[in-house]
Amino acid sequence: MGRPQDLFNKLHQLIEQHENRGVIARLAAVGHLPRPFSQVARSIVQDRGGRIGIVTGFYVPGAVPPKPETDGPIGAAQLAHFLHLGGWDVALITDAFCQTALSRCREIVGGTYPITVLSDAAGVDAKLKAWRKDNAVPGHLIAIERAGPNRSGQIINIAGDDITSFTPPLHRLFQHRDDGKPLTISLADGLNEIGAETVRNAMLAVSPDLDQARLCAVAVDHLVLGCTANIGAAGLAAALAIEDPDLIENLKTSFRTELSDLLMDRLADEEIAVDGVKRTFSNRTVDGIDAQLLNNVVQALVQTATTRSILQNAE
């Protein structure tokens, strides 16, 4: 397996392992599982040095105490660090509920890129206006584990709770385009997240009794589904390193196991963020999936990208 498309497919297979909600299996069964790493990587690499916005943060009001998930901020900080090292102009975007978790992750990875905090519709609209006024619309906008509203405007979590009041409308950033920008991407693991509208018809075809109240009605250009969104972030970074093998060392630096473990430890020990499924502090699981299994997946992603680098050097 050495051709780039084979390697991109391998990345998708890796991030889809251990998925525990059945979404990936059902979409695969009807031949509608999106696997866009090759297109996304090509687009981002061609815009080397361009602006990239990363939107993250999924608050869990039912946790004791209420906290954001570990899934999202960790992957966002690592992906942002990888992109920053590669020369892109990166900015993180979140809300006040999730700001502390994302800021701590950025600190741990050693990032210096900005974090924009938007906590209501007025703030989101002001940001969109500023992007247009300053000719600063990102070339790419990436959601990582960010919930969005259903067709009735409500945001429903996996437990069936209405969390609309705890989820400021950052999804609106994905619904406005100026001169073809931004290209929108979502790294997700559930159907209540930004991007799920992209597979609505396919999901309803295979699961007619699907609870549409939990189905986010915000579409994106490219949806990437994985066992966790953090894993999706690692997969996207690996895809970029396959597209441009000069990025491989940045990949190894930003997604090394020691850093991933440190991020998990700090968020749990400092009681900043919780496992979104268990709703408790945990440095051993993300969304109920064993952290060591996830680390193994990340290292397999890095190894797959490294294969491309080795082959290129041999040519």
Protein backbone atom coordinates (compact mmCIF):
# COMPACT_ATOMS: atom_id res chain seq x y z
CA MET A 1 0.00 0.00 0.00
CA GLY A 2 1.92 3.00 -1.26
CA ARG A 3 -0.30 5.03 -3.57
CA PRO A 4 -1.61 8.22 -1.94
CA GLN A 5 -5.29 7.31 -2.41
CA ASP A 6 -4.69 3.93 -0.75
CA LEU A 7 -3.06 5.74 2.17
CA PHE A 8 -5.95 8.22 2.49
CA ASN A 9 -8.38 5.29 2.55
CA LYS A 10 -6.28 3.64 5.24
CA LEU A 11 -6.52 6.79 7.37
CA HIS A 12 -10.30 6.68 7.16
CA GLN A 13 -10.34 3.01 8.11
CA LEU A 14 -8.18 3.73 11.13
CA ILE A 15 -10.26 6.62 12.50
CA GLU A 16 -13.45 4.61 12.02
CA GLN A 17 -12.24 1.85 14.36
CA HIS A 18 -13.88 1.56 17.79
CA GLU A 19 -16.88 3.72 16.79
CA ASN A 20 -19.62 2.82 19.26
CA ARG A 21 -22.72 4.60 17.96
CA GLY A 22 -23.39 2.64 14.76
CA VAL A 23 -23.46 5.70 12.50
CA ILE A 24 -20.41 4.72 10.46
CA ALA A 25 -21.57 1.12 9.99
CA ARG A 26 -25.03 2.20 8.83
CA LEU A 27 -23.70 4.70 6.31
CA ALA A 28 -21.17 2.17 5.03
CA ALA A 29 -23.98 -0.36 4.58
CA VAL A 30 -25.73 1.89 2.06
CA GLY A 31 -22.54 3.07 0.39
CA HIS A 32 -22.77 6.64 1.66
CA LEU A 33 -19.95 6.85 4.20
CA PRO A 34 -18.03 10.05 3.38
CA ARG A 35 -14.27 9.67 3.12
CA PRO A 36 -12.98 13.05 1.89
CA PHE A 37 -9.42 13.19 3.29
CA SER A 38 -7.80 13.33 -0.15
CA GLN A 39 -9.92 16.29 -1.33
CA VAL A 40 -9.61 18.17 1.95
CA ALA A 41 -5.85 17.65 2.21
CA ARG A 42 -5.30 18.80 -1.36
CA SER A 43 -7.34 21.95 -0.78
CA ILE A 44 -5.59 22.91 2.46
CA VAL A 45 -2.08 22.20 1.15
CA GLN A 46 -2.76 24.27 -1.96
CA ASP A 47 -3.67 27.15 0.37
CA ARG A 48 -0.40 26.91 2.32
CA GLY A 49 -0.08 29.93 4.59
CA GLY A 50 -3.78 30.76 4.33
CA ARG A 51 -6.24 31.41 7.14
CA ILE A 52 -7.86 28.46 8.88
CA GLY A 53 -10.51 28.73 11.59
CA ILE A 54 -11.10 25.80 13.98
CA VAL A 55 -14.40 25.78 15.88
CA THR A 56 -14.79 23.49 18.88
CA GLY A 57 -16.35 22.98 22.29
CA PHE A 58 -19.22 20.71 23.37
CA TYR A 59 -20.63 21.60 26.79
CA VAL A 60 -22.18 18.90 28.99
CA PRO A 61 -24.61 20.57 31.43
CA GLY A 62 -25.62 17.16 32.79
CA ALA A 63 -22.10 16.38 34.03
CA VAL A 64 -21.40 16.76 37.75
CA PRO A 65 -20.19 19.45 37.78
CA PRO A 66 -21.19 20.77 34.34
CA LYS A 67 -18.12 20.90 32.09
CA PRO A 68 -17.17 20.69 28.39
CA GLU A 69 -16.07 17.44 26.79
CA THR A 70 -12.45 16.41 26.42
CA ASP A 71 -13.33 15.42 22.86
CA GLY A 72 -12.85 18.51 20.74
CA PRO A 73 -10.50 20.89 22.60
CA ILE A 74 -7.67 18.35 22.66
CA GLY A 75 -7.85 17.59 18.95
CA ALA A 76 -8.37 21.25 18.09
CA ALA A 77 -5.26 22.35 19.99
CA GLN A 78 -3.12 19.60 18.48
CA LEU A 79 -4.36 20.22 14.94
CA ALA A 80 -3.90 23.98 15.36
CA HIS A 81 -0.35 23.42 16.58
CA PHE A 82 0.39 21.18 13.61
CA LEU A 83 -1.00 23.72 11.15
CA HIS A 84 0.80 26.63 12.84
CA LEU A 85 4.11 24.80 12.60
CA GLY A 86 3.36 24.22 8.91
CA GLY A 87 2.93 27.91 8.22
CA TRP A 88 -0.85 28.37 8.19
CA ASP A 89 -2.54 31.34 9.89
CA VAL A 90 -4.63 29.51 12.48
CA ALA A 91 -7.28 30.79 14.88
CA LEU A 92 -9.33 28.79 17.37
CA ILE A 93 -12.98 29.68 17.99
CA THR A 94 -15.14 28.59 20.92
CA ASP A 95 -17.68 29.89 23.44
CA ALA A 96 -17.44 31.00 27.07
CA PHE A 97 -18.59 27.60 28.37
CA CYS A 98 -15.64 25.86 26.70
CA GLN A 99 -13.03 28.62 26.75
CA THR A 100 -11.08 27.37 29.77
CA ALA A 101 -10.67 23.87 28.35
CA LEU A 102 -9.47 25.11 24.97
CA SER A 103 -7.14 27.71 26.49
CA ARG A 104 -5.57 25.09 28.74
CA CYS A 105 -5.04 22.74 25.82
CA ARG A 106 -3.42 25.50 23.80
CA GLU A 107 -1.13 26.27 26.73
CA ILE A 108 -0.11 22.63 27.12
CA VAL A 109 0.80 22.20 23.44
CA GLY A 110 2.71 25.48 23.52
CA GLY A 111 0.50 27.32 21.05
CA THR A 112 0.56 31.06 20.45
CA TYR A 113 -2.32 31.35 17.97
CA PRO A 114 -5.40 33.32 19.05
CA ILE A 115 -8.63 32.06 20.58
CA THR A 116 -11.81 33.93 19.70
CA VAL A 117 -14.68 33.54 22.18
CA LEU A 118 -18.19 34.04 20.76
CA SER A 119 -21.06 33.65 23.20
CA ASP A 120 -24.20 34.81 21.38
CA ALA A 121 -25.67 35.45 17.95
CA ALA A 122 -24.60 39.10 18.02
CA GLY A 123 -21.00 38.06 18.57
CA VAL A 124 -21.13 35.56 15.73
CA ASP A 125 -22.67 38.12 13.37
CA ALA A 126 -20.03 40.68 14.38
CA LYS A 127 -17.31 38.15 13.59
CA LEU A 128 -18.77 37.43 10.16
CA LYS A 129 -18.99 41.16 9.46
CA ALA A 130 -15.38 41.69 10.59
CA TRP A 131 -14.17 38.86 8.35
CA ARG A 132 -15.82 40.48 5.35
CA LYS A 133 -14.76 44.03 6.22
CA ASP A 134 -11.12 43.07 6.78
CA ASN A 135 -10.98 40.67 3.83
CA ALA A 136 -10.13 38.00 6.39
CA VAL A 137 -12.63 35.23 5.64
CA PRO A 138 -10.80 31.94 6.34
CA GLY A 139 -10.03 29.77 3.36
CA HIS A 140 -11.03 26.77 5.47
CA LEU A 141 -13.32 26.48 8.49
CA ILE A 142 -13.15 23.27 10.51
CA ALA A 143 -15.61 22.12 13.18
CA ILE A 144 -14.28 19.61 15.70
CA GLU A 145 -16.97 18.08 17.94
CA ARG A 146 -19.29 21.08 17.77
CA ALA A 147 -23.02 20.60 18.23
CA GLY A 148 -25.55 22.28 15.97
CA PRO A 149 -29.31 22.78 15.81
CA ASN A 150 -31.93 20.50 14.31
CA ARG A 151 -34.46 21.81 11.80
CA SER A 152 -36.52 23.22 14.67
CA GLY A 153 -33.55 25.19 15.99
CA GLN A 154 -32.94 23.00 19.03
CA ILE A 155 -29.66 21.34 19.97
CA ILE A 156 -30.17 17.92 21.52
CA ASN A 157 -27.34 15.88 23.03
CA ILE A 158 -26.90 12.12 23.01
CA ALA A 159 -28.87 11.80 26.26
CA GLY A 160 -31.83 13.60 24.73
CA ASP A 161 -31.30 16.81 26.70
CA ASP A 162 -31.97 20.18 25.11
CA ILE A 163 -28.65 22.04 25.39
CA THR A 164 -29.51 24.96 23.12
CA SER A 165 -28.99 27.51 25.90
CA PHE A 166 -25.53 26.05 26.58
CA THR A 167 -24.46 26.07 22.92
CA PRO A 168 -24.05 29.55 21.42
CA PRO A 169 -24.74 29.61 17.66
CA LEU A 170 -21.22 29.20 16.33
CA HIS A 171 -22.77 26.99 13.63
CA ARG A 172 -23.78 30.20 11.84
CA LEU A 173 -20.14 30.68 10.85
CA PHE A 174 -20.61 27.65 8.57
CA GLN A 175 -23.71 29.04 6.86
CA HIS A 176 -22.19 32.13 5.24
CA ARG A 177 -19.87 32.17 2.25
CA ASP A 178 -18.06 35.04 0.55
CA ASP A 179 -16.50 34.53 -2.89
CA GLY A 180 -16.44 30.78 -2.35
CA LYS A 181 -14.88 30.95 1.11
CA PRO A 182 -14.64 29.25 3.48
CA LEU A 183 -14.49 25.61 2.49
CA THR A 184 -16.28 23.99 5.42
CA ILE A 185 -15.19 20.76 7.09
CA SER A 186 -16.50 18.89 10.12
CA LEU A 187 -14.67 16.28 12.16
CA ALA A 188 -17.46 14.56 14.04
CA ASP A 189 -18.55 11.37 15.75
CA GLY A 190 -22.29 11.99 16.16
CA LEU A 191 -25.32 13.14 14.21
CA ASN A 192 -26.03 16.09 16.51
CA GLU A 193 -22.86 17.83 15.35
CA ILE A 194 -22.20 20.37 12.62
CA GLY A 195 -22.12 18.58 9.28
CA ALA A 196 -24.73 15.88 9.93
CA GLU A 197 -27.13 17.42 7.42
CA THR A 198 -24.65 16.26 4.80
CA VAL A 199 -25.68 12.63 5.40
CA ARG A 200 -29.31 13.20 6.44
CA ASN A 201 -30.91 11.46 3.46
CA ALA A 202 -28.54 8.49 3.64
CA MET A 203 -29.17 8.05 7.37
CA LEU A 204 -32.93 8.21 6.95
CA ALA A 205 -32.74 5.69 4.10
CA VAL A 206 -31.01 3.13 6.30
CA SER A 207 -32.72 4.14 9.58
CA PRO A 208 -36.23 5.47 8.83
CA ASP A 209 -37.04 5.57 12.56
CA LEU A 210 -34.06 7.82 13.34
CA ASP A 211 -34.79 10.44 15.99
CA GLN A 212 -34.53 13.56 13.85
CA ALA A 213 -34.64 15.81 16.91
CA ARG A 214 -30.99 14.85 17.46
CA LEU A 215 -29.99 15.36 13.83
CA CYS A 216 -28.07 18.58 13.21
CA ALA A 217 -29.40 20.49 10.20
CA VAL A 218 -26.14 22.26 9.36
CA ALA A 219 -24.35 20.94 6.27
CA VAL A 220 -20.67 21.25 5.37
CA ASP A 221 -18.65 20.74 2.22
CA HIS A 222 -16.80 17.78 3.72
CA LEU A 223 -17.84 15.60 6.67
CA VAL A 224 -15.31 13.27 8.31
CA LEU A 225 -16.70 10.69 10.73
CA GLY A 226 -14.54 8.90 13.27
CA CYS A 227 -14.75 7.13 16.60
CA THR A 228 -13.99 10.50 18.28
CA ALA A 229 -13.48 13.97 16.87
CA ASN A 230 -10.00 14.13 18.43
CA ILE A 231 -9.09 11.10 16.35
CA GLY A 232 -10.56 12.83 13.30
CA ALA A 233 -8.21 15.77 13.94
CA ALA A 234 -5.22 13.43 14.02
CA GLY A 235 -6.47 11.80 10.84
CA LEU A 236 -6.74 15.13 9.05
CA ALA A 237 -3.20 16.08 10.11
CA ALA A 238 -1.96 12.72 8.82
CA ALA A 239 -3.79 13.32 5.53
CA LEU A 240 -2.02 16.66 5.15
CA ALA A 241 1.32 14.93 5.80
CA ILE A 242 0.52 12.42 3.06
CA GLU A 243 -0.31 15.25 0.66
CA ASP A 244 2.87 17.09 1.68
CA PRO A 245 5.47 14.75 3.26
CA ASP A 246 7.46 17.76 4.46
CA LEU A 247 4.86 17.99 7.24
CA ILE A 248 5.66 14.60 8.75
CA GLU A 249 7.89 15.90 11.56
CA ASN A 250 5.22 18.42 12.55
CA LEU A 251 2.75 15.53 12.69
CA LYS A 252 5.02 13.50 14.96
CA THR A 253 5.57 16.51 17.23
CA SER A 254 1.94 17.58 17.53
CA PHE A 255 0.41 14.12 17.98
CA ARG A 256 3.03 12.32 20.04
CA THR A 257 1.62 10.00 22.70
CA GLU A 258 3.26 11.84 25.59
CA LEU A 259 1.49 15.06 24.62
CA SER A 260 -1.87 13.35 24.18
CA ASP A 261 -1.54 11.74 27.60
CA LEU A 262 -0.53 15.05 29.19
CA LEU A 263 -3.57 16.80 27.73
CA MET A 264 -5.87 14.10 29.08
CA ASP A 265 -4.21 14.11 32.49
CA ARG A 266 -4.38 17.87 32.93
CA LEU A 267 -8.00 18.22 31.86
CA ALA A 268 -9.04 15.45 34.25
CA ASP A 269 -6.76 16.23 37.21
CA GLU A 270 -7.55 19.94 37.08
CA GLU A 271 -11.28 19.15 36.68
CA ILE A 272 -11.59 21.17 33.49
CA ALA A 273 -13.33 18.74 31.12
CA VAL A 274 -15.17 15.42 31.22
CA ASP A 275 -15.70 12.27 29.20
CA GLY A 276 -18.79 13.23 27.21
CA VAL A 277 -20.42 9.81 27.50
CA LYS A 278 -19.58 9.02 31.11
CA ARG A 279 -20.09 12.65 32.19
CA THR A 280 -17.26 12.33 34.69
CA PHE A 281 -13.61 13.37 34.81
CA SER A 282 -11.46 10.72 33.19
CA ASN A 283 -7.94 10.53 31.85
CA ARG A 284 -8.53 6.93 30.75
CA THR A 285 -11.39 7.35 28.27
CA VAL A 286 -12.76 9.71 25.63
CA ASP A 287 -16.46 9.25 24.89
CA GLY A 288 -16.23 5.96 26.75
CA ILE A 289 -13.44 4.63 24.51
CA ASP A 290 -10.20 3.51 26.14
CA ALA A 291 -7.52 6.18 25.77
CA GLN A 292 -4.81 3.60 25.06
CA LEU A 293 -6.80 2.26 22.12
CA LEU A 294 -7.09 5.81 20.82
CA ASN A 295 -3.36 6.42 21.27
CA ASN A 296 -2.70 3.27 19.25
CA VAL A 297 -4.91 4.59 16.46
CA VAL A 298 -3.07 7.93 16.42
CA GLN A 299 0.29 6.21 16.16
CA ALA A 300 -1.03 4.05 13.32
CA LEU A 301 -2.12 7.25 11.57
CA VAL A 302 1.36 8.70 11.99
CA GLN A 303 2.92 5.50 10.69
CA THR A 304 0.65 5.51 7.64
CA ALA A 305 1.67 9.08 6.83
CA THR A 306 5.32 8.16 7.39
CA THR A 307 4.98 5.44 4.76
CA ARG A 308 4.27 8.11 2.17
CA SER A 309 7.32 10.10 3.27
CA ILE A 310 9.58 7.04 3.02
CA LEU A 311 8.25 6.18 -0.45
CA GLN A 312 8.77 9.74 -1.69
CA ASN A 313 12.34 9.78 -0.45
CA ALA A 314 12.98 6.51 -2.23
CA GLU A 315 11.70 7.80 -5.57
